[in-house]
Amino acid sequence: MKLLVADDSGLYRTMLKAMMEAQGYEVVLASNGYEAQHIIEGDDPPRLAILDWFMPGIGGIELCEIIRARKQDYIYTILLSVADQTSDVLKGFELGADDYLCKPFKESELRARVAVGERIIRSRDALLESREALEFEASHDPLLRLWNRSSIIDLLGTELGRAKRLKTTLSIFFVDLDHFKEVNDTYGHLAGDDVLRSATGKMSSAVREYDHVGRFGGDEFLVVLPNCTAEAAWEVAERVREHIGADPIVVPPMLVKITASIGLSEWCPGQEISDLLYRADVALYRAKQNGRNCVEIENISDASSGATSPN
């Protein structure tokens, strides 16, 4: 774990560096507050910091404020000072210090306090990882690791709000795997799961980096395309269709051919989520009626007719 030692005393810097490296830490040194600030705000900041209270320019107290104002990973700070007044100690804690030691200090005590700081950092990281894992599980489909239905709808709501606010375009399309029930009935549900995973992998690789792909239910998926006209969305949808149907999916010991039907709609001012979803669903139904393995667009001005291209 990286540890910052910031002290204007060369003697203390040398002593603390040797002491902390003997404990297994990667030590970086700063001889004043400005150097320390540069390290703290760098691309790879330390997770622990031993800061001298009084330094030229920026002191340990100011550095504590800078550290607490950051949005990145938590840095555990220990202030060192020759002062031993209660008011100074309280001020240090109020401004963000985690611990406080007076110079001269006992080496064993500093080692112990740094070790406590490391345990706190590691425990905090573990809690954050657990929380992120729980949030991921709550928002993603457990089989396909895509956004689940509620999350993709929430993302659509967010993108619709942005499109309204910024007056930009927004399109969506439904993807339905053709005759997927026959795959399950013929090869079994485990093979069906393999087909779903492979098809969604192809789908995710075919959309734009900033598009959102979610499992809407069963073998049906919803793709949300921010800042995208129907014409541009049609090109993405065609790419998705081609990727899915290009090569058979390997499900040992057989090869399974799968295609997809796609229904697309572009948001028009005045419409809400339900309108956009309904029109995409109508287009998807028409794609199935027209022989499947195609892309259909539902335009608000031409709701009764379909086309396999935006032209």
Protein backbone atom coordinates (compact mmCIF):
# COMPACT_ATOMS: atom_id res chain seq x y z
CA MET A 1 0.00 0.00 0.00
CA LYS A 2 1.31 3.45 -0.92
CA LEU A 3 2.06 5.84 1.93
CA LEU A 4 2.89 9.55 1.73
CA VAL A 5 5.35 11.14 4.15
CA ALA A 6 5.19 14.94 3.99
CA ASP A 7 7.61 16.76 6.31
CA ASP A 8 9.95 19.71 5.80
CA SER A 9 12.52 18.06 8.05
CA GLY A 10 14.97 15.92 6.09
CA LEU A 11 15.76 13.97 9.25
CA TYR A 12 12.11 13.01 9.83
CA ARG A 13 11.57 12.17 6.16
CA THR A 14 14.58 9.82 6.16
CA MET A 15 13.56 8.21 9.44
CA LEU A 16 9.90 7.76 8.51
CA LYS A 17 10.76 6.39 5.07
CA ALA A 18 13.05 3.71 6.54
CA MET A 19 10.53 2.89 9.24
CA MET A 20 7.54 2.51 6.90
CA GLU A 21 9.44 0.65 4.18
CA ALA A 22 10.48 -1.86 6.84
CA GLN A 23 6.73 -2.34 7.41
CA GLY A 24 6.27 -3.15 3.73
CA TYR A 25 4.80 0.15 2.53
CA GLU A 26 5.61 1.89 -0.74
CA VAL A 27 6.72 5.30 0.54
CA VAL A 28 6.61 8.55 -1.42
CA LEU A 29 8.17 11.70 0.03
CA ALA A 30 7.26 15.39 -0.03
CA SER A 31 9.39 18.12 1.50
CA ASN A 32 6.59 20.68 1.57
CA GLY A 33 2.84 21.01 1.30
CA TYR A 34 2.84 21.88 -2.39
CA GLU A 35 4.69 18.67 -3.29
CA ALA A 36 2.31 16.71 -1.08
CA GLN A 37 -0.74 18.28 -2.76
CA HIS A 38 0.64 17.36 -6.19
CA ILE A 39 1.06 13.73 -5.07
CA ILE A 40 -2.39 13.60 -3.47
CA GLU A 41 -4.07 14.98 -6.58
CA GLY A 42 -2.08 12.76 -8.97
CA ASP A 43 -3.25 9.73 -10.93
CA ASP A 44 -2.06 7.22 -8.33
CA PRO A 45 -2.51 8.85 -4.90
CA PRO A 46 -1.44 7.19 -1.65
CA ARG A 47 -3.99 5.53 0.63
CA LEU A 48 -2.13 6.54 3.82
CA ALA A 49 -0.53 9.87 4.66
CA ILE A 50 1.72 11.02 7.51
CA LEU A 51 1.63 14.83 7.43
CA ASP A 52 3.67 17.35 9.37
CA TRP A 53 1.41 20.01 10.87
CA PHE A 54 3.73 22.94 10.09
CA MET A 55 5.27 23.10 6.60
CA PRO A 56 6.15 25.97 4.28
CA GLY A 57 3.22 27.08 2.14
CA ILE A 58 0.59 24.44 2.75
CA GLY A 59 0.61 22.75 6.14
CA GLY A 60 -0.80 19.43 7.29
CA ILE A 61 -4.11 20.99 8.32
CA GLU A 62 -4.69 22.48 4.85
CA LEU A 63 -3.73 19.17 3.27
CA CYS A 64 -6.36 17.41 5.39
CA GLU A 65 -8.98 19.79 3.99
CA ILE A 66 -7.76 19.13 0.45
CA ILE A 67 -7.89 15.37 1.03
CA ARG A 68 -11.43 15.45 2.41
CA ALA A 69 -12.62 17.57 -0.51
CA ARG A 70 -11.56 14.83 -2.95
CA LYS A 71 -14.12 12.46 -4.48
CA GLN A 72 -11.65 9.63 -5.05
CA ASP A 73 -10.52 6.84 -2.74
CA TYR A 74 -10.27 7.66 0.94
CA ILE A 75 -6.83 8.63 2.29
CA TYR A 76 -6.21 7.90 5.97
CA THR A 77 -4.22 10.78 7.48
CA ILE A 78 -2.03 11.00 10.57
CA LEU A 79 -0.92 14.49 11.65
CA LEU A 80 2.45 15.04 13.32
CA SER A 81 3.17 18.14 15.38
CA VAL A 82 5.34 19.44 18.19
CA ALA A 83 2.20 21.10 19.61
CA ASP A 84 0.36 19.26 22.37
CA GLN A 85 -2.59 21.47 23.04
CA THR A 86 -6.09 20.03 23.13
CA SER A 87 -7.39 22.82 20.92
CA ASP A 88 -4.86 21.93 18.22
CA VAL A 89 -5.79 18.26 18.36
CA LEU A 90 -9.51 19.02 18.08
CA LYS A 91 -8.89 21.40 15.19
CA GLY A 92 -6.99 18.67 13.35
CA PHE A 93 -9.83 16.19 13.75
CA GLU A 94 -12.45 18.77 12.76
CA LEU A 95 -10.60 19.45 9.51
CA GLY A 96 -10.37 15.80 8.53
CA ALA A 97 -7.38 14.19 10.24
CA ASP A 98 -7.92 10.57 11.25
CA ASP A 99 -5.19 10.45 13.90
CA TYR A 100 -2.67 12.67 15.66
CA LEU A 101 0.79 12.19 17.17
CA CYS A 102 3.15 14.61 18.86
CA LYS A 103 6.83 14.83 18.01
CA PRO A 104 8.94 13.20 19.24
CA PHE A 105 6.88 10.00 19.04
CA LYS A 106 7.54 6.40 19.88
CA GLU A 107 8.31 4.31 16.82
CA SER A 108 6.15 1.43 18.07
CA GLU A 109 3.18 3.75 18.55
CA LEU A 110 3.43 5.19 15.04
CA ARG A 111 3.75 1.72 13.54
CA ALA A 112 0.63 0.63 15.43
CA ARG A 113 -1.37 3.66 14.33
CA VAL A 114 -0.39 3.24 10.69
CA ALA A 115 -1.39 -0.43 10.92
CA VAL A 116 -4.79 0.62 12.27
CA GLY A 117 -5.16 3.03 9.36
CA GLU A 118 -4.37 0.28 6.87
CA ARG A 119 -6.97 -2.03 8.45
CA ILE A 120 -9.57 0.73 8.24
CA ILE A 121 -8.75 1.41 4.58
CA ARG A 122 -8.91 -2.29 3.67
CA SER A 123 -12.18 -2.76 5.58
CA ARG A 124 -13.66 0.28 3.86
CA ASP A 125 -12.58 -0.99 0.44
CA ALA A 126 -14.11 -4.39 1.16
CA LEU A 127 -17.41 -2.80 2.20
CA LEU A 128 -17.48 -0.67 -0.95
CA GLU A 129 -16.76 -3.71 -3.13
CA SER A 130 -19.56 -5.63 -1.41
CA ARG A 131 -21.98 -2.75 -1.90
CA GLU A 132 -21.03 -2.41 -5.57
CA ALA A 133 -21.47 -6.15 -6.06
CA LEU A 134 -24.94 -6.01 -4.47
CA GLU A 135 -25.88 -3.03 -6.62
CA PHE A 136 -24.69 -4.88 -9.73
CA GLU A 137 -26.69 -7.98 -8.82
CA ALA A 138 -29.79 -5.88 -8.18
CA SER A 139 -29.58 -4.09 -11.53
CA HIS A 140 -28.37 -6.85 -13.86
CA ASP A 141 -29.78 -10.07 -15.25
CA PRO A 142 -28.11 -12.96 -13.39
CA LEU A 143 -27.66 -15.13 -16.48
CA LEU A 144 -26.58 -12.63 -19.10
CA ARG A 145 -25.03 -9.88 -16.94
CA LEU A 146 -26.96 -7.25 -18.92
CA TRP A 147 -29.19 -4.58 -17.42
CA ASN A 148 -32.40 -6.16 -16.15
CA ARG A 149 -35.88 -4.95 -17.16
CA SER A 150 -36.34 -2.35 -14.42
CA SER A 151 -32.83 -0.96 -14.88
CA ILE A 152 -33.04 -0.62 -18.67
CA ILE A 153 -36.37 1.18 -18.26
CA ASP A 154 -34.77 3.48 -15.69
CA LEU A 155 -31.93 4.18 -18.14
CA LEU A 156 -34.47 4.91 -20.87
CA GLY A 157 -36.17 7.37 -18.53
CA THR A 158 -32.84 9.07 -17.85
CA GLU A 159 -31.99 9.33 -21.54
CA LEU A 160 -35.50 10.57 -22.38
CA GLY A 161 -35.18 13.29 -19.74
CA ARG A 162 -31.83 14.31 -21.24
CA ALA A 163 -33.26 14.36 -24.77
CA LYS A 164 -36.12 16.60 -23.64
CA ARG A 165 -33.81 18.93 -21.75
CA LEU A 166 -31.14 19.22 -24.44
CA LYS A 167 -33.51 18.83 -27.40
CA THR A 168 -31.50 15.92 -28.80
CA THR A 169 -32.62 12.73 -30.53
CA LEU A 170 -33.29 9.34 -28.97
CA SER A 171 -34.15 5.97 -30.49
CA ILE A 172 -34.80 2.48 -29.15
CA PHE A 173 -35.27 -0.96 -30.61
CA PHE A 174 -36.51 -4.32 -29.41
CA VAL A 175 -34.57 -7.44 -30.38
CA ASP A 176 -36.41 -10.76 -30.34
CA LEU A 177 -34.61 -14.04 -31.08
CA ASP A 178 -36.54 -15.92 -33.73
CA HIS A 179 -38.07 -19.28 -32.77
CA PHE A 180 -36.07 -19.39 -29.54
CA LYS A 181 -38.67 -21.65 -27.89
CA GLU A 182 -37.77 -24.32 -30.44
CA VAL A 183 -34.14 -24.15 -29.28
CA ASN A 184 -35.19 -24.87 -25.70
CA ASP A 185 -37.63 -27.59 -26.78
CA THR A 186 -35.11 -29.27 -29.11
CA TYR A 187 -31.81 -28.93 -27.25
CA GLY A 188 -32.83 -28.20 -23.66
CA HIS A 189 -32.72 -25.13 -21.47
CA LEU A 190 -28.99 -25.34 -20.76
CA ALA A 191 -28.29 -25.14 -24.47
CA GLY A 192 -30.81 -22.33 -24.66
CA ASP A 193 -28.86 -20.44 -22.01
CA ASP A 194 -25.68 -20.86 -24.06
CA VAL A 195 -27.46 -19.49 -27.13
CA LEU A 196 -28.74 -16.50 -25.15
CA ARG A 197 -25.26 -15.74 -23.80
CA SER A 198 -23.69 -15.98 -27.24
CA ALA A 199 -26.39 -13.91 -28.93
CA THR A 200 -26.22 -11.16 -26.30
CA GLY A 201 -22.44 -11.09 -26.61
CA LYS A 202 -22.80 -10.50 -30.34
CA MET A 203 -25.45 -7.88 -29.70
CA SER A 204 -23.31 -5.97 -27.20
CA SER A 205 -20.34 -5.95 -29.57
CA ALA A 206 -22.48 -4.53 -32.39
CA VAL A 207 -23.97 -1.50 -30.61
CA ARG A 208 -22.20 1.80 -29.97
CA GLU A 209 -20.07 2.17 -26.86
CA TYR A 210 -22.54 4.50 -25.17
CA ASP A 211 -25.73 2.57 -26.05
CA HIS A 212 -27.55 0.60 -23.34
CA VAL A 213 -28.56 -3.05 -23.77
CA GLY A 214 -30.95 -4.75 -21.36
CA ARG A 215 -32.92 -7.97 -21.10
CA PHE A 216 -36.57 -7.01 -21.37
CA GLY A 217 -37.81 -10.52 -20.72
CA GLY A 218 -37.16 -14.07 -21.93
CA ASP A 219 -35.51 -13.81 -25.35
CA GLU A 220 -36.46 -10.17 -25.88
CA PHE A 221 -34.02 -7.30 -25.42
CA LEU A 222 -34.26 -3.52 -25.38
CA VAL A 223 -31.51 -1.29 -26.78
CA VAL A 224 -31.52 2.42 -25.90
CA LEU A 225 -29.60 4.69 -28.28
CA PRO A 226 -29.01 8.22 -26.95
CA ASN A 227 -28.50 11.09 -29.40
CA CYS A 228 -29.46 8.85 -32.29
CA THR A 229 -31.90 9.36 -35.16
CA ALA A 230 -33.98 6.56 -36.64
CA GLU A 231 -31.64 6.44 -39.65
CA ALA A 232 -28.54 5.98 -37.48
CA ALA A 233 -30.37 3.56 -35.18
CA TRP A 234 -31.43 1.48 -38.18
CA GLU A 235 -27.76 1.01 -39.11
CA VAL A 236 -26.99 -0.17 -35.56
CA ALA A 237 -30.01 -2.47 -35.57
CA GLU A 238 -28.99 -3.97 -38.90
CA ARG A 239 -25.50 -4.56 -37.54
CA VAL A 240 -26.99 -6.31 -34.51
CA ARG A 241 -29.19 -8.48 -36.72
CA GLU A 242 -26.26 -9.40 -38.96
CA HIS A 243 -23.97 -10.20 -36.02
CA ILE A 244 -26.53 -12.50 -34.42
CA GLY A 245 -27.36 -14.37 -37.63
CA ALA A 246 -23.94 -14.42 -39.26
CA ASP A 247 -22.56 -17.64 -37.82
CA PRO A 248 -24.15 -20.59 -36.05
CA ILE A 249 -23.73 -20.64 -32.29
CA VAL A 250 -21.60 -23.50 -31.00
CA VAL A 251 -23.48 -25.54 -28.41
CA PRO A 252 -21.39 -28.72 -28.14
CA PRO A 253 -21.83 -31.07 -29.85
CA MET A 254 -24.11 -29.15 -32.23
CA LEU A 255 -24.31 -25.84 -34.08
CA VAL A 256 -27.46 -23.76 -33.58
CA LYS A 257 -28.53 -21.23 -36.21
CA ILE A 258 -30.37 -18.26 -34.70
CA THR A 259 -31.71 -15.04 -36.21
CA ALA A 260 -33.36 -11.95 -34.75
CA SER A 261 -36.33 -9.72 -35.50
CA ILE A 262 -36.00 -6.05 -34.58
CA GLY A 263 -38.54 -3.27 -34.08
CA LEU A 264 -37.32 0.32 -33.90
CA SER A 265 -38.81 3.70 -33.01
CA GLU A 266 -37.48 7.24 -32.63
CA TRP A 267 -38.68 9.56 -29.89
CA CYS A 268 -40.76 12.55 -30.93
CA PRO A 269 -41.37 15.58 -28.68
CA GLY A 270 -44.50 15.11 -26.61
CA GLN A 271 -44.08 11.35 -26.30
CA GLU A 272 -43.40 9.49 -23.08
CA ILE A 273 -41.71 6.14 -22.41
CA SER A 274 -44.91 4.15 -22.91
CA ASP A 275 -45.43 5.69 -26.36
CA LEU A 276 -41.88 4.95 -27.45
CA LEU A 277 -42.04 1.35 -26.22
CA TYR A 278 -45.44 0.79 -27.82
CA ARG A 279 -44.26 1.96 -31.23
CA ALA A 280 -41.12 -0.18 -31.07
CA ASP A 281 -43.29 -3.16 -30.09
CA VAL A 282 -45.60 -2.53 -33.06
CA ALA A 283 -42.56 -2.46 -35.35
CA LEU A 284 -41.29 -5.70 -33.81
CA TYR A 285 -44.64 -7.39 -34.41
CA ARG A 286 -44.52 -6.27 -38.04
CA ALA A 287 -40.98 -7.66 -38.39
CA LYS A 288 -42.27 -11.05 -37.25
CA GLN A 289 -45.25 -10.83 -39.60
CA ASN A 290 -42.95 -10.01 -42.50
CA GLY A 291 -40.94 -13.20 -42.19
CA ARG A 292 -38.62 -12.43 -39.24
CA ASN A 293 -34.87 -11.78 -39.46
CA CYS A 294 -35.44 -8.15 -40.44
CA VAL A 295 -35.59 -4.63 -39.03
CA GLU A 296 -38.82 -2.60 -39.05
CA ILE A 297 -39.31 1.05 -38.06
CA GLU A 298 -42.49 2.52 -36.65
CA ASN A 299 -42.72 6.22 -37.54
CA ILE A 300 -45.29 8.39 -35.81
CA SER A 301 -46.20 9.95 -39.16
CA ASP A 302 -46.49 6.58 -40.89
CA ALA A 303 -47.71 4.27 -38.16
CA SER A 304 -49.72 2.09 -40.46
CA SER A 305 -46.91 1.20 -42.85
CA GLY A 306 -43.56 -0.45 -42.40
CA ALA A 307 -40.20 -0.41 -44.08
CA THR A 308 -37.08 -2.43 -43.73
CA SER A 309 -34.99 0.71 -44.17
CA PRO A 310 -35.46 4.34 -43.14
CA ASN A 311 -35.62 5.46 -46.75
